[in-house]
Protein backbone atom coordinates (compact mmCIF):
# COMPACT_ATOMS: atom_id res chain seq x y z
CA MET A 1 4.32 -25.84 -5.77
CA GLY A 2 5.68 -23.45 -3.24
CA LEU A 3 4.23 -19.91 -2.87
CA PHE A 4 6.84 -18.26 -4.95
CA ASP A 5 7.99 -21.01 -7.69
CA GLY A 6 5.39 -20.01 -9.92
CA TRP A 7 7.41 -16.68 -10.69
CA PHE A 8 10.88 -18.11 -10.82
CA GLY A 9 10.53 -21.79 -11.39
CA GLN A 10 11.02 -24.91 -8.77
CA ALA A 11 14.44 -26.26 -8.11
CA GLU A 12 14.66 -29.82 -8.84
CA ASP A 13 15.41 -30.70 -5.13
CA LYS A 14 12.55 -28.66 -3.74
CA VAL A 15 9.74 -30.57 -1.82
CA GLU A 16 6.38 -29.88 -3.18
CA GLN A 17 4.53 -27.68 -0.65
CA PRO A 18 0.74 -27.19 -0.07
CA ASN A 19 -0.72 -24.39 -2.34
CA ILE A 20 -2.04 -21.97 0.30
CA LYS A 21 -2.27 -18.15 0.24
CA PHE A 22 -0.58 -15.90 2.33
CA GLY A 23 -0.79 -12.10 2.81
CA ARG A 24 -2.33 -9.57 0.83
CA TYR A 25 -2.25 -9.72 -2.88
CA SER A 26 0.11 -7.37 -4.95
CA ASP A 27 -0.15 -6.72 -8.35
CA SER A 28 3.46 -5.25 -8.60
CA TYR A 29 5.18 -8.59 -9.23
CA LYS A 30 4.72 -8.51 -12.83
CA LYS A 31 6.81 -10.03 -15.49
CA GLU A 32 8.84 -8.43 -18.06
CA ASN A 33 6.29 -8.95 -21.00
CA GLN A 34 3.64 -7.17 -19.09
CA TYR A 35 5.52 -3.85 -18.59
CA ALA A 36 6.07 -4.00 -22.31
CA ALA A 37 2.11 -4.60 -22.61
CA TRP A 38 1.54 -1.40 -20.60
CA GLN A 39 3.88 0.86 -22.66
CA GLU A 40 2.22 -0.51 -25.89
CA SER A 41 -1.12 0.32 -24.04
CA LEU A 42 -0.21 3.85 -23.58
CA GLU A 43 1.32 4.39 -27.34
CA LYS A 44 -1.62 2.82 -28.98
CA PHE A 45 -4.33 4.90 -26.91
CA ASP A 46 -2.17 8.05 -27.85
CA ASP A 47 -2.14 7.06 -31.50
CA GLY A 48 -6.06 6.77 -31.29
CA HIS A 49 -6.16 2.76 -31.53
CA HIS A 50 -8.22 2.52 -28.38
CA PHE A 51 -9.48 -1.27 -28.92
CA ASP A 52 -5.66 -2.19 -29.42
CA ALA A 53 -4.66 -0.16 -26.19
CA PHE A 54 -7.57 -2.08 -24.52
CA GLU A 55 -6.26 -5.74 -25.47
CA ASP A 56 -2.61 -4.35 -24.15
CA PHE A 57 -4.09 -3.00 -20.89
CA PHE A 58 -5.85 -6.05 -19.83
CA ASP A 59 -2.63 -8.28 -21.03
CA TYR A 60 -0.88 -5.86 -18.41
CA LEU A 61 -3.41 -6.73 -15.55
CA SER A 62 -3.54 -10.42 -16.51
CA ASP A 63 -2.05 -13.08 -14.37
CA PRO A 64 -1.61 -16.02 -16.88
CA GLU A 65 -1.11 -18.34 -14.11
CA LYS A 66 -4.35 -17.29 -12.03
CA GLU A 67 -6.62 -16.63 -15.00
CA ASN A 68 -8.06 -13.45 -13.47
CA VAL A 69 -8.88 -11.67 -16.50
CA THR A 70 -10.76 -12.49 -19.76
CA TYR A 71 -11.69 -10.38 -22.52
CA GLN A 72 -13.14 -10.61 -26.16
CA ARG A 73 -12.81 -8.32 -29.12
CA LEU A 74 -15.45 -7.99 -31.71
CA GLY A 75 -13.45 -6.01 -34.50
CA ASP A 76 -13.66 -2.24 -33.81
CA THR A 77 -17.17 -2.17 -32.64
CA HIS A 78 -17.24 -3.79 -29.17
CA PHE A 79 -14.98 -4.96 -26.64
CA ASN A 80 -15.98 -7.14 -23.68
CA PHE A 81 -14.08 -7.98 -20.44
CA GLU A 82 -14.13 -9.49 -17.07
CA PHE A 83 -11.91 -9.68 -14.22
CA PHE A 84 -11.66 -10.91 -10.64
CA GLN A 85 -11.27 -8.93 -7.50
CA GLY A 86 -11.42 -11.09 -4.31
CA SER A 87 -15.18 -12.22 -4.05
CA LYS A 88 -16.26 -9.85 -6.97
CA LYS A 89 -16.59 -10.59 -10.43
CA ILE A 90 -16.21 -7.03 -12.57
CA LYS A 91 -17.76 -6.99 -16.09
CA GLY A 92 -17.80 -4.18 -18.54
CA TYR A 93 -17.45 -3.38 -22.53
CA SER A 94 -16.74 -0.64 -24.74
CA ASP A 95 -18.83 -0.08 -27.48
CA GLY A 96 -16.57 2.28 -29.29
CA ARG A 97 -18.08 4.97 -27.64
CA LYS A 98 -17.73 4.81 -24.11
CA PHE A 99 -16.19 2.48 -21.60
CA ARG A 100 -18.25 1.12 -18.76
CA ALA A 101 -17.50 -1.14 -16.03
CA GLU A 102 -19.81 -2.56 -13.28
CA ALA A 103 -19.71 -5.03 -10.26
CA LYS A 104 -22.42 -6.29 -8.13
CA VAL A 105 -22.03 -5.83 -4.64
CA VAL A 106 -24.81 -7.22 -2.59
CA LYS A 107 -28.38 -8.33 -3.06
CA ALA A 108 -31.13 -6.17 -1.50
CA THR A 109 -34.04 -8.31 -0.43
CA GLN A 110 -36.00 -5.02 0.48
CA PRO A 111 -35.33 -1.31 0.62
CA ASN A 112 -33.63 0.15 3.82
CA VAL A 113 -32.69 3.78 4.68
CA GLY A 114 -29.78 2.64 6.61
CA PHE A 115 -27.73 1.11 4.00
CA MET A 116 -28.89 3.55 1.32
CA ARG A 117 -27.57 6.38 3.59
CA ARG A 118 -24.29 4.29 3.94
CA LEU A 119 -23.83 4.11 -0.03
CA LEU A 120 -24.74 8.08 -0.28
CA GLU A 121 -21.85 8.51 2.19
CA LYS A 122 -19.22 6.19 0.12
CA ASN A 123 -20.19 7.79 -2.95
CA PHE A 124 -18.72 10.89 -1.71
CA GLU A 125 -15.48 9.22 -0.97
CA LEU A 126 -15.30 7.98 -4.75
CA LYS A 127 -13.21 9.69 -7.21
CA TYR A 128 -14.42 7.49 -10.31
CA SER A 129 -16.96 5.17 -9.71
CA ARG A 130 -20.50 5.23 -7.94
CA PHE A 131 -22.50 3.02 -6.01
CA GLY A 132 -26.27 2.53 -7.03
CA LEU A 133 -29.27 0.35 -7.72
CA ASP A 134 -29.61 -1.97 -10.85
CA ASP A 135 -33.10 -3.07 -12.31
CA ASN A 136 -33.46 -5.65 -9.73
CA GLY A 137 -32.84 -3.56 -7.05
CA ASP A 138 -29.41 -4.80 -6.08
CA VAL A 139 -26.67 -2.73 -5.20
CA VAL A 140 -23.95 -2.28 -7.86
CA ILE A 141 -21.02 0.03 -8.07
CA VAL A 142 -20.45 1.53 -11.83
CA PHE A 143 -17.65 3.19 -13.79
CA ASP A 144 -17.98 4.48 -17.03
CA THR A 145 -16.40 7.32 -19.56
CA TYR A 146 -16.36 8.47 -23.14
CA LEU A 147 -13.70 6.50 -25.04
CA LEU A 148 -11.59 9.57 -25.86
CA ASP A 149 -11.20 9.99 -22.27
CA GLY A 150 -10.17 6.70 -21.23
CA SER A 151 -6.73 6.44 -21.22
CA PRO A 152 -4.83 3.48 -19.53
CA GLN A 153 -3.82 5.60 -16.48
CA LYS A 154 -7.26 6.65 -15.94
CA LEU A 155 -8.73 2.97 -16.50
CA TYR A 156 -6.16 1.70 -13.97
CA TYR A 157 -7.20 3.92 -10.88
CA ALA A 158 -10.74 3.62 -11.94
CA LEU A 159 -10.88 -0.03 -12.26
CA ASN A 160 -8.76 -0.46 -8.92
CA GLU A 161 -11.16 1.77 -7.00
CA LEU A 162 -14.19 0.07 -8.29
CA ALA A 163 -12.85 -3.57 -7.86
CA THR A 164 -11.45 -2.93 -4.28
CA GLN A 165 -14.40 -1.29 -3.05
CA SER A 166 -16.93 -3.61 -3.99
CA ASP A 167 -14.88 -6.40 -2.60
CA LYS A 168 -14.12 -4.64 0.50
CA LEU A 169 -17.87 -3.50 1.33
CA ASP A 170 -20.05 -6.82 0.64
CA ASP A 171 -19.17 -8.70 3.54
CA LEU A 172 -19.41 -5.52 5.77
CA LEU A 173 -22.81 -4.74 4.40
CA VAL A 174 -24.21 -8.43 4.82
CA ASP A 175 -22.85 -8.52 8.46
CA GLU A 176 -24.58 -5.21 9.34
CA PHE A 177 -27.95 -5.30 7.45
CA ASP A 178 -29.97 -8.33 7.57
CA MET A 179 -32.14 -7.57 4.68
CA LEU A 180 -28.61 -7.69 2.36
CA GLU A 181 -27.68 -11.23 0.85
CA PRO A 182 -24.31 -11.95 -0.71
CA ILE A 183 -24.05 -12.25 -4.65
CA GLU A 184 -23.22 -15.90 -5.35
CA THR A 185 -20.08 -16.17 -7.43
CA ASP A 186 -18.62 -19.47 -8.95
CA HIS A 187 -14.94 -18.36 -8.64
CA ILE A 188 -14.35 -18.48 -4.59
CA ARG A 189 -12.57 -21.45 -3.45
CA ASN A 190 -13.88 -22.80 0.02
CA LEU A 191 -10.85 -23.79 2.15
CA PRO A 192 -10.92 -27.31 3.56
CA GLU A 193 -12.48 -27.48 6.91
CA ALA A 194 -9.48 -28.85 8.48
CA GLU A 195 -7.34 -25.63 7.18
CA LYS A 196 -9.83 -23.44 8.50
CA GLU A 197 -10.02 -25.15 12.10
CA ILE A 198 -6.17 -24.98 12.32
CA LYS A 199 -6.40 -21.18 10.95
CA TYR A 200 -9.06 -20.39 13.65
CA GLN A 201 -7.08 -22.38 16.53
CA PHE A 202 -4.09 -20.32 15.60
CA ILE A 203 -6.06 -16.89 16.02
CA ILE A 204 -7.17 -17.89 19.35
CA GLN A 205 -4.02 -18.94 20.65
CA SER A 206 -2.07 -15.85 19.19
CA VAL A 207 -4.48 -13.42 20.54
CA ARG A 208 -4.84 -14.98 24.05
CA GLN A 209 -0.76 -15.49 24.20
CA VAL A 210 -0.24 -11.72 23.26
CA LEU A 211 -2.97 -10.47 25.84
CA ASP A 212 -1.40 -12.73 28.59
CA ASN A 213 1.97 -11.36 27.76
CA ILE A 214 0.53 -7.78 28.01
CA ASP A 215 -1.61 -8.30 31.28
CA HIS A 216 1.11 -10.33 33.17
CA GLY A 217 4.50 -9.29 31.93
CA LYS A 218 7.26 -7.62 33.74
CA LEU A 219 6.45 -4.24 32.13
CA ASP A 220 4.04 -1.84 33.45
CA ALA A 221 1.76 -1.18 30.38
CA ASN A 222 1.00 2.39 31.47
CA ILE A 223 4.72 3.35 31.87
CA TYR A 224 6.06 1.73 28.87
CA PRO A 225 2.93 1.73 26.64
CA GLN A 226 5.02 1.53 23.45
CA ALA A 227 5.95 -1.82 24.39
CA VAL A 228 2.34 -2.81 24.37
CA GLY A 229 1.66 -1.18 21.17
CA TYR A 230 4.52 -3.29 19.30
CA GLN A 231 3.03 -6.47 20.41
CA LEU A 232 -0.37 -5.40 19.60
CA LEU A 233 0.55 -4.18 16.19
CA ASN A 234 2.76 -7.26 15.52
CA LEU A 235 0.07 -9.63 16.36
CA ILE A 236 -2.75 -8.19 13.77
CA TYR A 237 0.04 -8.08 10.93
CA LYS A 238 0.93 -11.35 11.48
CA LEU A 239 -2.41 -12.67 11.63
CA ASP A 240 -3.37 -10.72 8.57
CA TYR A 241 -0.67 -12.39 6.68
CA LEU A 242 -0.73 -15.83 7.80
CA ILE A 243 -4.52 -16.06 7.83
CA SER A 244 -5.56 -13.69 5.21
CA PRO A 245 -8.94 -13.32 6.21
CA GLU A 246 -11.82 -11.70 4.31
CA GLY A 247 -14.88 -9.53 5.48
CA PHE A 248 -14.88 -8.26 9.49
CA MET A 249 -11.63 -9.75 10.32
CA MET A 250 -9.68 -7.79 7.53
CA GLU A 251 -11.51 -4.72 8.18
CA LEU A 252 -10.97 -4.93 12.13
CA PHE A 253 -7.32 -5.03 11.36
CA GLU A 254 -7.28 -2.24 8.87
CA ARG A 255 -9.61 -0.14 11.47
CA LEU A 256 -7.07 -1.02 14.61
CA ASN A 257 -4.35 0.04 12.42
CA ARG A 258 -5.73 2.91 11.18
CA ASP A 259 -6.95 4.15 14.56
CA TYR A 260 -3.52 3.46 16.44
CA PHE A 261 -1.55 5.72 14.29
CA GLN A 262 -4.50 8.47 13.83
CA GLU A 263 -3.78 11.74 15.53
CA ASP A 264 -6.73 12.29 17.27
CA GLY A 265 -5.67 13.56 20.76
CA LYS A 266 -6.02 10.07 22.28
CA SER A 267 -2.95 8.75 24.71
CA VAL A 268 -1.14 5.38 23.69
CA ILE A 269 -2.44 3.84 26.70
CA GLU A 270 -5.94 4.84 25.90
CA LYS A 271 -5.50 3.27 22.33
CA ASN A 272 -3.66 0.10 23.57
CA ASN A 273 -6.63 -0.64 25.97
CA ALA A 274 -9.13 -0.12 23.23
CA PHE A 275 -6.90 -2.22 20.60
CA LYS A 276 -6.94 -5.11 23.58
CA LYS A 277 -10.70 -4.49 24.01
CA GLU A 278 -11.40 -5.12 20.27
CA LEU A 279 -9.09 -8.25 20.43
CA GLU A 280 -10.92 -9.69 23.46
CA ASN A 281 -14.24 -9.13 21.27
CA LEU A 282 -12.85 -10.66 18.15
CA ILE A 283 -11.98 -14.01 19.96
CA GLN A 284 -15.43 -14.35 21.44
CA ARG A 285 -17.11 -14.56 17.94
CA PRO A 286 -18.56 -17.94 17.21
CA SER A 287 -16.11 -20.31 15.46
CA SER A 288 -18.55 -20.32 12.45
CA LYS A 289 -18.34 -16.60 11.63
CA PHE A 290 -14.43 -16.95 11.12
CA SER A 291 -15.16 -19.84 8.91
CA LEU A 292 -17.11 -17.76 6.45
CA GLU A 293 -14.55 -15.28 6.13
CA MET A 294 -11.76 -18.02 5.37
CA TYR A 295 -11.96 -18.67 1.43
CA ASP A 296 -9.71 -18.17 -1.36
CA THR A 297 -10.06 -15.82 -4.30
CA LEU A 298 -8.57 -14.25 -7.32
CA SER A 299 -7.58 -10.69 -7.56
CA THR A 300 -6.30 -8.08 -10.00
CA PHE A 301 -5.63 -5.16 -8.05
CA GLY A 302 -3.29 -4.99 -4.83
CA LEU A 303 -4.06 -2.93 -1.80
CA THR A 304 -0.29 -2.37 -0.68
CA GLN A 305 2.16 0.32 -1.55
CA VAL A 306 5.09 -0.05 -3.91
CA VAL A 307 8.25 0.68 -2.14
CA ASN A 308 11.97 0.02 -3.06
CA HIS A 309 14.50 -1.95 -1.09
CA GLU A 310 15.96 1.60 0.36
CA LYS A 311 12.68 2.43 1.79
CA PHE A 312 12.23 -0.89 3.56
CA THR A 313 15.47 -0.93 5.04
CA GLY A 314 15.47 2.49 6.18
CA PHE A 315 12.25 1.48 8.19
CA ILE A 316 14.32 -1.74 9.51
CA GLY A 317 17.15 0.53 11.05
CA GLU A 318 15.01 3.16 12.30
CA VAL A 319 12.72 0.69 14.31
CA LEU A 320 15.35 -1.88 15.60
CA LYS A 321 17.00 1.10 17.46
CA GLU A 322 14.18 0.21 19.87
CA TYR A 323 15.28 -3.41 20.21
CA ASP A 324 18.73 -3.31 22.40
CA TRP A 325 16.97 -1.97 25.65
CA TYR A 326 14.06 -4.61 25.71
CA ALA A 327 16.56 -7.23 24.97
CA LYS A 328 19.39 -6.04 27.44
CA ASN A 329 16.78 -5.84 30.21
CA LYS A 330 15.14 -9.74 29.30
CA HIS A 331 11.74 -8.06 28.06
CA LEU A 332 11.96 -10.94 25.55
CA ASP A 333 8.17 -10.64 24.47
CA VAL A 334 8.91 -7.16 23.32
CA ALA A 335 12.43 -7.89 21.95
CA MET A 336 10.91 -10.45 19.76
CA ALA A 337 7.62 -8.25 18.80
CA ILE A 338 9.84 -5.40 17.34
CA PRO A 339 11.33 -7.57 14.44
CA GLY A 340 7.84 -8.83 13.83
CA TYR A 341 6.54 -5.53 13.79
CA ILE A 342 9.06 -4.71 11.17
CA VAL A 343 8.02 -7.82 9.20
CA GLY A 344 4.44 -7.51 9.33
CA TYR A 345 4.43 -3.78 8.58
CA GLY A 346 6.28 -4.45 5.46
CA LEU A 347 3.82 -6.95 4.46
CA PHE A 348 0.67 -5.19 5.56
CA TYR A 349 1.64 -1.87 4.22
CA TRP A 350 3.92 -2.36 1.22
CA ALA A 351 4.91 -4.24 -1.96
CA VAL A 352 8.65 -4.69 -1.21
CA PRO A 353 10.80 -6.02 -4.23
CA GLN A 354 10.13 -9.95 -4.61
CA PRO A 355 13.46 -10.91 -2.81
CA ASP A 356 12.61 -9.07 0.32
CA ARG A 357 8.92 -10.48 0.11
CA GLU A 358 10.26 -13.87 -0.12
CA LEU A 359 12.95 -13.42 2.79
CA LEU A 360 9.85 -12.22 4.89
CA HIS A 361 7.85 -15.10 4.11
CA LEU A 362 10.59 -16.94 5.24
CA TYR A 363 10.97 -15.19 8.43
CA TYR A 364 7.37 -16.33 9.35
CA GLU A 365 8.24 -19.92 8.17
CA ILE A 366 11.11 -20.32 10.40
CA MET A 367 9.61 -18.47 13.47
CA GLU A 368 6.05 -19.85 13.01
CA SER A 369 7.39 -23.12 12.26
CA ASP A 370 4.43 -25.25 14.01
CA TYR A 371 1.76 -23.43 12.34
CA PHE A 372 3.19 -24.15 8.93
CA ALA A 373 3.81 -27.74 9.81
CA SER A 374 0.24 -28.16 10.90
CA LEU A 375 -0.77 -26.66 7.62
CA GLY A 376 1.31 -29.58 5.86
CA PHE A 377 4.37 -27.83 5.05
CA LYS A 378 7.35 -29.70 4.86
CA HIS A 379 10.78 -27.99 6.14
CA ASP A 380 13.37 -28.64 8.91
CA PHE A 381 14.25 -25.03 9.89
CA LEU A 382 13.68 -26.12 13.58
CA ASP A 383 14.30 -29.30 15.43
CA GLU A 384 11.62 -30.83 17.78
CA LYS A 385 13.44 -28.85 20.64
CA GLY A 386 13.01 -25.46 18.75
CA ARG A 387 16.70 -25.18 17.75
CA PHE A 388 17.83 -23.49 14.45
CA ASN A 389 18.75 -25.72 11.71
CA LYS A 390 21.58 -23.68 10.46
CA SER A 391 22.22 -25.26 7.32
CA ALA A 392 18.71 -25.54 6.13
CA ILE A 393 17.89 -21.71 6.72
CA LYS A 394 20.99 -20.61 5.10
CA LYS A 395 20.14 -23.11 2.06
CA GLU A 396 16.67 -21.65 1.67
CA ILE A 397 18.00 -18.17 1.84
CA GLN A 398 20.45 -18.90 -0.94
CA TYR A 399 17.84 -20.64 -2.99
CA ILE A 400 15.80 -17.64 -2.84
CA ILE A 401 18.88 -15.50 -3.83
CA LYS A 402 19.41 -17.48 -6.97
CA ARG A 403 15.87 -17.58 -8.30
CA ASN A 404 16.16 -13.92 -8.06
CA LYS A 405 19.46 -13.26 -9.60
CA LYS A 406 18.10 -12.71 -13.23
CA ARG A 407 15.81 -9.82 -12.12
CA TYR A 408 18.15 -7.91 -9.49
CA GLU A 409 21.58 -7.50 -10.42
CA GLY A 410 24.41 -8.07 -7.70
CA LEU A 411 21.92 -9.74 -5.47
CA SER A 412 23.61 -11.55 -2.61
CA ALA A 413 22.87 -12.13 1.17
CA ASP A 414 25.55 -12.31 3.67
CA THR A 415 24.21 -15.41 6.03
CA SER A 416 27.35 -15.18 8.17
CA LEU A 417 25.23 -12.13 9.80
CA LEU A 418 22.86 -14.63 11.31
CA ASP A 419 22.77 -15.21 14.85
CA PHE A 420 21.46 -18.53 15.99
CA ASP A 421 22.02 -18.22 19.90
CA ASN A 422 18.44 -17.61 20.54
CA HIS A 423 15.14 -16.31 18.68
CA HIS A 424 15.18 -12.86 19.46
CA GLU A 425 18.74 -12.41 18.10
CA PHE A 426 17.95 -14.43 15.32
CA ALA A 427 15.12 -12.14 14.35
CA ARG A 428 17.16 -8.93 14.86
CA SER A 429 20.09 -10.54 12.79
CA PHE A 430 17.80 -11.79 10.14
CA LEU A 431 16.46 -7.92 9.23
CA LEU A 432 20.20 -6.48 9.42
CA MET A 433 21.16 -9.31 6.78
CA MET A 434 18.39 -8.01 4.92
CA LYS A 435 19.39 -4.50 5.40
CA ASP A 436 22.85 -5.13 4.09
CA MET A 437 21.85 -6.60 0.93
CA ASP A 438 21.51 -4.55 -2.46
CA VAL A 439 18.51 -5.04 -4.28
CA ILE A 440 18.63 -3.22 -7.55
CA PRO A 441 16.40 -3.83 -10.53
CA VAL A 442 18.03 -5.00 -13.66
CA ASP A 443 17.03 -2.51 -16.66
CA GLY A 444 13.58 -3.42 -18.06
CA TRP A 445 12.45 -4.87 -14.44
CA LYS A 446 10.69 -2.99 -11.89
């Protein structure tokens, strides 16, 4: 099944594709009945029917195709639930008086001042939940509240915080402190070794290529630091989406991105140099370290911010202004990196509307055709010499438009805007085609 066919059905003439996860999970792509369940939950909670509200609330969170949420109601006296977030299983209950949720983070074989201090510092950052130790001495994160104060809105934000923090922190703590061990879970799907090797080689090749382009390109990195920044950011956004790493590598990409845009008084040149050094260290890690961070999981909450089409296309228009000078002066590595930066930024930060997300994924399928082919995907967007197959690309775009028509009124894409002369002009024209689209949700959808 293709990446998005589960939402909108699969065309009869579509080729079966590998079931491989790409990008960051988002909980914003819900079905119409889930939005209805959310409204029901709000109304029932306000009417004092708390357990009824819980049922609708967890129906809203549930993805029926992934079975990420289960719950059990015992009359009006007890309500049990569990759901998954990455490598974590979150369990909880309500006894009619209180609502409580808990996730085991890591197993502590012996006490240590260092990681206890780390947890104490994290507790000051949390709004709803808290880290602590359970009766076995293992690290847990807990949220609880009185039932009368447990509105669906509060539960959503509290469980989101608990789930995402527990999933993010476990690998980092285990990597840093030797006395900590991961909590064994049975819902993680280990990736095939062949897939891990393909992804590992793609990481190494991609990083080395970008660093080589920067160090040996025609542009002086000290005179054009922004050009270097586009290449570096494009790289980590692309790897974040195409590899979907967990643990250290995911945290590194988030930190590099955060440090780059932080107003800390450092020059862009200084930030670029620190960025490059981190990437050089990344590819020096043993392949076994990468392998441990490549697995498939279920999630319930997303990390990306929901934005509308206008927000994303405004970003396209603003950043593409930087493209023309580099393309005109034949700095093609940078000219390619700018559209790639836009695509990657949109997928790294935002949950864009469904047709936008599918088109951004298609961009990567076209531009990284060899990588997708090595993973077993079958398409003919490029021929053996790297030339575009115009009809195949246009057909796939129209297929994306067709299967999103029900949800977005007046949706269309003018494929005549595409420029197939070369890769950098195609990349630019692909985004301009998206910028020209109207993506307006039909009433009842979001």
